[in-house]
PDB file of N, CA and C in Angstrom:
ATOM      1  N   UNK A   1      25.402   5.787   9.402  1.00  0.00           N
ATOM      2  CA  UNK A   1      24.334   5.500  10.331  1.00  0.00           C
ATOM      3  C   UNK A   1      23.003   6.074   9.860  1.00  0.00           C
ATOM      4  N   UNK A   2      23.025   7.261   9.256  1.00  0.00           N
ATOM      5  CA  UNK A   2      21.765   7.855   8.800  1.00  0.00           C
ATOM      6  C   UNK A   2      21.182   7.058   7.634  1.00  0.00           C
ATOM      7  N   UNK A   3      22.030   6.385   6.840  1.00  0.00           N
ATOM      8  CA  UNK A   3      21.529   5.552   5.753  1.00  0.00           C
ATOM      9  C   UNK A   3      20.751   4.375   6.316  1.00  0.00           C
ATOM     10  N   UNK A   4      21.271   3.759   7.358  1.00  0.00           N
ATOM     11  CA  UNK A   4      20.584   2.647   8.004  1.00  0.00           C
ATOM     12  C   UNK A   4      19.257   3.109   8.587  1.00  0.00           C
ATOM     13  N   UNK A   5      19.244   4.260   9.199  1.00  0.00           N
ATOM     14  CA  UNK A   5      18.006   4.820   9.749  1.00  0.00           C
ATOM     15  C   UNK A   5      17.004   5.083   8.640  1.00  0.00           C
ATOM     16  N   UNK A   6      17.473   5.594   7.520  1.00  0.00           N
ATOM     17  CA  UNK A   6      16.601   5.859   6.385  1.00  0.00           C
ATOM     18  C   UNK A   6      15.974   4.570   5.863  1.00  0.00           C
ATOM     19  N   UNK A   7      16.777   3.505   5.754  1.00  0.00           N
ATOM     20  CA  UNK A   7      16.244   2.218   5.314  1.00  0.00           C
ATOM     21  C   UNK A   7      15.203   1.692   6.277  1.00  0.00           C
ATOM     22  N   UNK A   8      15.475   1.811   7.560  1.00  0.00           N
ATOM     23  CA  UNK A   8      14.518   1.330   8.565  1.00  0.00           C
ATOM     24  C   UNK A   8      13.216   2.114   8.510  1.00  0.00           C
ATOM     25  N   UNK A   9      13.296   3.422   8.353  1.00  0.00           N
ATOM     26  CA  UNK A   9      12.084   4.235   8.266  1.00  0.00           C
ATOM     27  C   UNK A   9      11.290   3.864   7.020  1.00  0.00           C
ATOM     28  N   UNK A  10      11.963   3.601   5.913  1.00  0.00           N
ATOM     29  CA  UNK A  10      11.280   3.195   4.689  1.00  0.00           C
ATOM     30  C   UNK A  10      10.605   1.838   4.880  1.00  0.00           C
ATOM     31  N   UNK A  11      11.295   0.909   5.563  1.00  0.00           N
ATOM     32  CA  UNK A  11      10.707  -0.396   5.835  1.00  0.00           C
ATOM     33  C   UNK A  11       9.474  -0.270   6.713  1.00  0.00           C
ATOM     34  N   UNK A  12       9.550   0.587   7.720  1.00  0.00           N
ATOM     35  CA  UNK A  12       8.412   0.801   8.608  1.00  0.00           C
ATOM     36  C   UNK A  12       7.265   1.440   7.841  1.00  0.00           C
ATOM     37  N   UNK A  13       7.565   2.410   6.994  1.00  0.00           N
ATOM     38  CA  UNK A  13       6.534   3.056   6.174  1.00  0.00           C
ATOM     39  C   UNK A  13       5.882   2.046   5.243  1.00  0.00           C
ATOM     40  N   UNK A  14       6.694   1.192   4.641  1.00  0.00           N
ATOM     41  CA  UNK A  14       6.167   0.188   3.720  1.00  0.00           C
ATOM     42  C   UNK A  14       5.285  -0.814   4.461  1.00  0.00           C
ATOM     43  N   UNK A  15       5.717  -1.255   5.626  1.00  0.00           N
ATOM     44  CA  UNK A  15       4.927  -2.199   6.422  1.00  0.00           C
ATOM     45  C   UNK A  15       3.604  -1.574   6.859  1.00  0.00           C
ATOM     46  N   UNK A  16       3.639  -0.331   7.278  1.00  0.00           N
ATOM     47  CA  UNK A  16       2.401   0.361   7.681  1.00  0.00           C
ATOM     48  C   UNK A  16       1.474   0.528   6.489  1.00  0.00           C
ATOM     49  N   UNK A  17       2.045   0.836   5.326  1.00  0.00           N
ATOM     50  CA  UNK A  17       1.248   0.964   4.110  1.00  0.00           C
ATOM     51  C   UNK A  17       0.571  -0.364   3.777  1.00  0.00           C
ATOM     52  N   UNK A  18       1.330  -1.454   3.800  1.00  0.00           N
ATOM     53  CA  UNK A  18       0.765  -2.772   3.484  1.00  0.00           C
ATOM     54  C   UNK A  18      -0.344  -3.152   4.459  1.00  0.00           C
ATOM     55  N   UNK A  19      -0.152  -2.847   5.723  1.00  0.00           N
ATOM     56  CA  UNK A  19      -1.167  -3.149   6.732  1.00  0.00           C
ATOM     57  C   UNK A  19      -2.454  -2.363   6.456  1.00  0.00           C
ATOM     58  N   UNK A  20      -2.307  -1.081   6.191  1.00  0.00           N
ATOM     59  CA  UNK A  20      -3.477  -0.238   5.918  1.00  0.00           C
ATOM     60  C   UNK A  20      -4.140  -0.632   4.600  1.00  0.00           C
ATOM     61  N   UNK A  21      -3.331  -0.931   3.596  1.00  0.00           N
ATOM     62  CA  UNK A  21      -3.866  -1.340   2.298  1.00  0.00           C
ATOM     63  C   UNK A  21      -4.650  -2.642   2.418  1.00  0.00           C
ATOM     64  N   UNK A  22      -4.082  -3.597   3.109  1.00  0.00           N
ATOM     65  CA  UNK A  22      -4.768  -4.871   3.312  1.00  0.00           C
ATOM     66  C   UNK A  22      -6.063  -4.672   4.085  1.00  0.00           C
ATOM     67  N   UNK A  23      -6.018  -3.821   5.100  1.00  0.00           N
ATOM     68  CA  UNK A  23      -7.224  -3.534   5.876  1.00  0.00           C
ATOM     69  C   UNK A  23      -8.326  -2.928   5.021  1.00  0.00           C
ATOM     70  N   UNK A  24      -7.956  -2.024   4.120  1.00  0.00           N
ATOM     71  CA  UNK A  24      -8.946  -1.416   3.216  1.00  0.00           C
ATOM     72  C   UNK A  24      -9.558  -2.472   2.296  1.00  0.00           C
ATOM     73  N   UNK A  25      -8.727  -3.321   1.742  1.00  0.00           N
ATOM     74  CA  UNK A  25      -9.244  -4.362   0.851  1.00  0.00           C
ATOM     75  C   UNK A  25     -10.153  -5.326   1.603  1.00  0.00           C
ATOM     76  N   UNK A  26      -9.768  -5.718   2.802  1.00  0.00           N
ATOM     77  CA  UNK A  26     -10.602  -6.634   3.578  1.00  0.00           C
ATOM     78  C   UNK A  26     -11.929  -5.972   3.933  1.00  0.00           C
ATOM     79  N   UNK A  27     -11.888  -4.719   4.336  1.00  0.00           N
ATOM     80  CA  UNK A  27     -13.118  -4.009   4.698  1.00  0.00           C
ATOM     81  C   UNK A  27     -14.058  -3.862   3.510  1.00  0.00           C
ATOM     82  N   UNK A  28     -13.503  -3.643   2.332  1.00  0.00           N
ATOM     83  CA  UNK A  28     -14.340  -3.375   1.158  1.00  0.00           C
ATOM     84  C   UNK A  28     -14.740  -4.631   0.392  1.00  0.00           C
ATOM     85  N   UNK A  29     -13.888  -5.660   0.413  1.00  0.00           N
ATOM     86  CA  UNK A  29     -14.151  -6.829  -0.421  1.00  0.00           C
ATOM     87  C   UNK A  29     -14.277  -8.127   0.355  1.00  0.00           C
ATOM     88  N   UNK A  30     -13.778  -8.153   1.588  1.00  0.00           N
ATOM     89  CA  UNK A  30     -13.760  -9.383   2.354  1.00  0.00           C
ATOM     90  C   UNK A  30     -12.532 -10.237   2.085  1.00  0.00           C
ATOM     91  N   UNK A  31     -11.679  -9.779   1.169  1.00  0.00           N
ATOM     92  CA  UNK A  31     -10.452 -10.509   0.826  1.00  0.00           C
ATOM     93  C   UNK A  31      -9.253  -9.584   0.964  1.00  0.00           C
ATOM     94  N   UNK A  32      -8.093 -10.177   1.165  1.00  0.00           N
ATOM     95  CA  UNK A  32      -6.871  -9.402   1.282  1.00  0.00           C
ATOM     96  C   UNK A  32      -6.402  -8.847  -0.051  1.00  0.00           C
ATOM     97  N   UNK A  33      -5.459  -7.947   0.004  1.00  0.00           N
ATOM     98  CA  UNK A  33      -4.966  -7.239  -1.165  1.00  0.00           C
ATOM     99  C   UNK A  33      -4.334  -8.172  -2.191  1.00  0.00           C
ATOM    100  N   UNK A  34      -3.683  -9.249  -1.738  1.00  0.00           N
ATOM    101  CA  UNK A  34      -2.989 -10.137  -2.675  1.00  0.00           C
ATOM    102  C   UNK A  34      -3.938 -10.971  -3.528  1.00  0.00           C
ATOM    103  N   UNK A  35      -5.221 -10.980  -3.204  1.00  0.00           N
ATOM    104  CA  UNK A  35      -6.201 -11.627  -4.068  1.00  0.00           C
ATOM    105  C   UNK A  35      -6.370 -10.809  -5.346  1.00  0.00           C
ATOM    106  N   UNK A  36      -6.230  -9.501  -5.239  1.00  0.00           N
ATOM    107  CA  UNK A  36      -6.483  -8.596  -6.357  1.00  0.00           C
ATOM    108  C   UNK A  36      -5.225  -8.066  -7.036  1.00  0.00           C
ATOM    109  N   UNK A  37      -4.153  -7.903  -6.271  1.00  0.00           N
ATOM    110  CA  UNK A  37      -2.948  -7.274  -6.812  1.00  0.00           C
ATOM    111  C   UNK A  37      -1.742  -8.170  -6.629  1.00  0.00           C
ATOM    112  N   UNK A  38      -0.825  -8.107  -7.589  1.00  0.00           N
ATOM    113  CA  UNK A  38       0.425  -8.849  -7.435  1.00  0.00           C
ATOM    114  C   UNK A  38       1.444  -7.943  -6.740  1.00  0.00           C
ATOM    115  N   UNK A  39       2.556  -8.492  -6.292  1.00  0.00           N
ATOM    116  CA  UNK A  39       3.542  -7.687  -5.556  1.00  0.00           C
ATOM    117  C   UNK A  39       4.066  -6.478  -6.336  1.00  0.00           C
ATOM    118  N   UNK A  40       4.203  -6.600  -7.647  1.00  0.00           N
ATOM    119  CA  UNK A  40       4.679  -5.461  -8.443  1.00  0.00           C
ATOM    120  C   UNK A  40       3.659  -4.326  -8.434  1.00  0.00           C
ATOM    121  N   UNK A  41       2.383  -4.657  -8.536  1.00  0.00           N
ATOM    122  CA  UNK A  41       1.338  -3.627  -8.470  1.00  0.00           C
ATOM    123  C   UNK A  41       1.347  -2.929  -7.116  1.00  0.00           C
ATOM    124  N   UNK A  42       1.522  -3.707  -6.067  1.00  0.00           N
ATOM    125  CA  UNK A  42       1.544  -3.140  -4.715  1.00  0.00           C
ATOM    126  C   UNK A  42       2.748  -2.226  -4.543  1.00  0.00           C
ATOM    127  N   UNK A  43       3.883  -2.621  -5.084  1.00  0.00           N
ATOM    128  CA  UNK A  43       5.075  -1.775  -5.003  1.00  0.00           C
ATOM    129  C   UNK A  43       4.859  -0.460  -5.751  1.00  0.00           C
ATOM    130  N   UNK A  44       4.249  -0.523  -6.938  1.00  0.00           N
ATOM    131  CA  UNK A  44       3.941   0.706  -7.697  1.00  0.00           C
ATOM    132  C   UNK A  44       2.960   1.579  -6.924  1.00  0.00           C
ATOM    133  N   UNK A  45       1.982   0.961  -6.303  1.00  0.00           N
ATOM    134  CA  UNK A  45       1.006   1.703  -5.516  1.00  0.00           C
ATOM    135  C   UNK A  45       1.675   2.399  -4.336  1.00  0.00           C
ATOM    136  N   UNK A  46       2.634   1.732  -3.702  1.00  0.00           N
ATOM    137  CA  UNK A  46       3.382   2.335  -2.595  1.00  0.00           C
ATOM    138  C   UNK A  46       4.198   3.524  -3.089  1.00  0.00           C
ATOM    139  N   UNK A  47       4.847   3.371  -4.233  1.00  0.00           N
ATOM    140  CA  UNK A  47       5.604   4.494  -4.797  1.00  0.00           C
ATOM    141  C   UNK A  47       4.687   5.675  -5.098  1.00  0.00           C
ATOM    142  N   UNK A  48       3.522   5.409  -5.685  1.00  0.00           N
ATOM    143  CA  UNK A  48       2.548   6.475  -5.954  1.00  0.00           C
ATOM    144  C   UNK A  48       2.089   7.129  -4.657  1.00  0.00           C
ATOM    145  N   UNK A  49       1.848   6.321  -3.659  1.00  0.00           N
ATOM    146  CA  UNK A  49       1.416   6.819  -2.355  1.00  0.00           C
ATOM    147  C   UNK A  49       2.454   7.779  -1.780  1.00  0.00           C
ATOM    148  N   UNK A  50       3.721   7.398  -1.860  1.00  0.00           N
ATOM    149  CA  UNK A  50       4.785   8.259  -1.336  1.00  0.00           C
ATOM    150  C   UNK A  50       4.934   9.532  -2.152  1.00  0.00           C
ATOM    151  N   UNK A  51       4.766   9.453  -3.454  1.00  0.00           N
ATOM    152  CA  UNK A  51       4.931  10.634  -4.305  1.00  0.00           C
ATOM    153  C   UNK A  51       3.784  11.627  -4.148  1.00  0.00           C
ATOM    154  N   UNK A  52       2.566  11.112  -4.126  1.00  0.00           N
ATOM    155  CA  UNK A  52       1.402  11.998  -4.176  1.00  0.00           C
ATOM    156  C   UNK A  52       0.806  12.323  -2.821  1.00  0.00           C
ATOM    157  N   UNK A  53       1.065  11.496  -1.844  1.00  0.00           N
ATOM    158  CA  UNK A  53       0.577  11.779  -0.503  1.00  0.00           C
ATOM    159  C   UNK A  53      -0.927  11.642  -0.339  1.00  0.00           C
ATOM    160  N   UNK A  54      -1.589  10.969  -1.279  1.00  0.00           N
ATOM    161  CA  UNK A  54      -3.030  10.744  -1.155  1.00  0.00           C
ATOM    162  C   UNK A  54      -3.277   9.735  -0.040  1.00  0.00           C
ATOM    163  N   UNK A  55      -4.486   9.698   0.454  1.00  0.00           N
ATOM    164  CA  UNK A  55      -4.798   8.712   1.491  1.00  0.00           C
ATOM    165  C   UNK A  55      -4.849   7.323   0.862  1.00  0.00           C
ATOM    166  N   UNK A  56      -4.598   6.328   1.662  1.00  0.00           N
ATOM    167  CA  UNK A  56      -4.638   4.954   1.162  1.00  0.00           C
ATOM    168  C   UNK A  56      -6.042   4.627   0.680  1.00  0.00           C
ATOM    169  N   UNK A  57      -7.039   5.100   1.401  1.00  0.00           N
ATOM    170  CA  UNK A  57      -8.432   4.855   1.005  1.00  0.00           C
ATOM    171  C   UNK A  57      -8.709   5.382  -0.401  1.00  0.00           C
ATOM    172  N   UNK A  58      -8.232   6.579  -0.702  1.00  0.00           N
ATOM    173  CA  UNK A  58      -8.428   7.142  -2.043  1.00  0.00           C
ATOM    174  C   UNK A  58      -7.666   6.359  -3.104  1.00  0.00           C
ATOM    175  N   UNK A  59      -6.508   5.843  -2.756  1.00  0.00           N
ATOM    176  CA  UNK A  59      -5.707   5.100  -3.716  1.00  0.00           C
ATOM    177  C   UNK A  59      -6.286   3.715  -3.991  1.00  0.00           C
ATOM    178  N   UNK A  60      -6.994   3.150  -3.028  1.00  0.00           N
ATOM    179  CA  UNK A  60      -7.540   1.804  -3.171  1.00  0.00           C
ATOM    180  C   UNK A  60      -8.774   1.781  -4.067  1.00  0.00           C
ATOM    181  N   UNK A  61      -9.554   2.825  -4.048  1.00  0.00           N
ATOM    182  CA  UNK A  61     -10.824   2.840  -4.781  1.00  0.00           C
ATOM    183  C   UNK A  61     -10.724   2.388  -6.239  1.00  0.00           C
ATOM    184  N   UNK A  62      -9.808   2.961  -7.027  1.00  0.00           N
ATOM    185  CA  UNK A  62      -9.748   2.522  -8.440  1.00  0.00           C
ATOM    186  C   UNK A  62      -9.369   1.052  -8.595  1.00  0.00           C
ATOM    187  N   UNK A  63      -8.552   0.542  -7.708  1.00  0.00           N
ATOM    188  CA  UNK A  63      -8.132  -0.857  -7.812  1.00  0.00           C
ATOM    189  C   UNK A  63      -9.301  -1.784  -7.488  1.00  0.00           C
ATOM    190  N   UNK A  64     -10.119  -1.417  -6.536  1.00  0.00           N
ATOM    191  CA  UNK A  64     -11.249  -2.262  -6.172  1.00  0.00           C
ATOM    192  C   UNK A  64     -12.310  -2.194  -7.254  1.00  0.00           C
ATOM    193  N   UNK A  65     -12.533  -1.040  -7.821  1.00  0.00           N
ATOM    194  CA  UNK A  65     -13.514  -0.915  -8.900  1.00  0.00           C
ATOM    195  C   UNK A  65     -13.125  -1.778 -10.098  1.00  0.00           C
ATOM    196  N   UNK A  66     -11.818  -1.865 -10.366  1.00  0.00           N
ATOM    197  CA  UNK A  66     -11.345  -2.654 -11.502  1.00  0.00           C
ATOM    198  C   UNK A  66     -11.308  -4.151 -11.225  1.00  0.00           C
ATOM    199  N   UNK A  67     -11.448  -4.502  -9.953  1.00  0.00           N
ATOM    200  CA  UNK A  67     -11.342  -5.934  -9.599  1.00  0.00           C
ATOM    201  C   UNK A  67     -12.654  -6.656  -9.794  1.00  0.00           C
TER     202      UNK A  67
END
């Protein structure tokens, strides 16, 4: 049961991350995140976010500058 709970929490974390990431991209560029990044890049960004604990806003800056 705890494994199922862990998966659900990860799914919720991932969904919240995608929502916040998309919001940052829309606010800064007027376009959604998928205009600039492919799903593999977004997955790597989520892994980095979980490992380093930086804010999504700080993580988005380099990607937008490179776009």
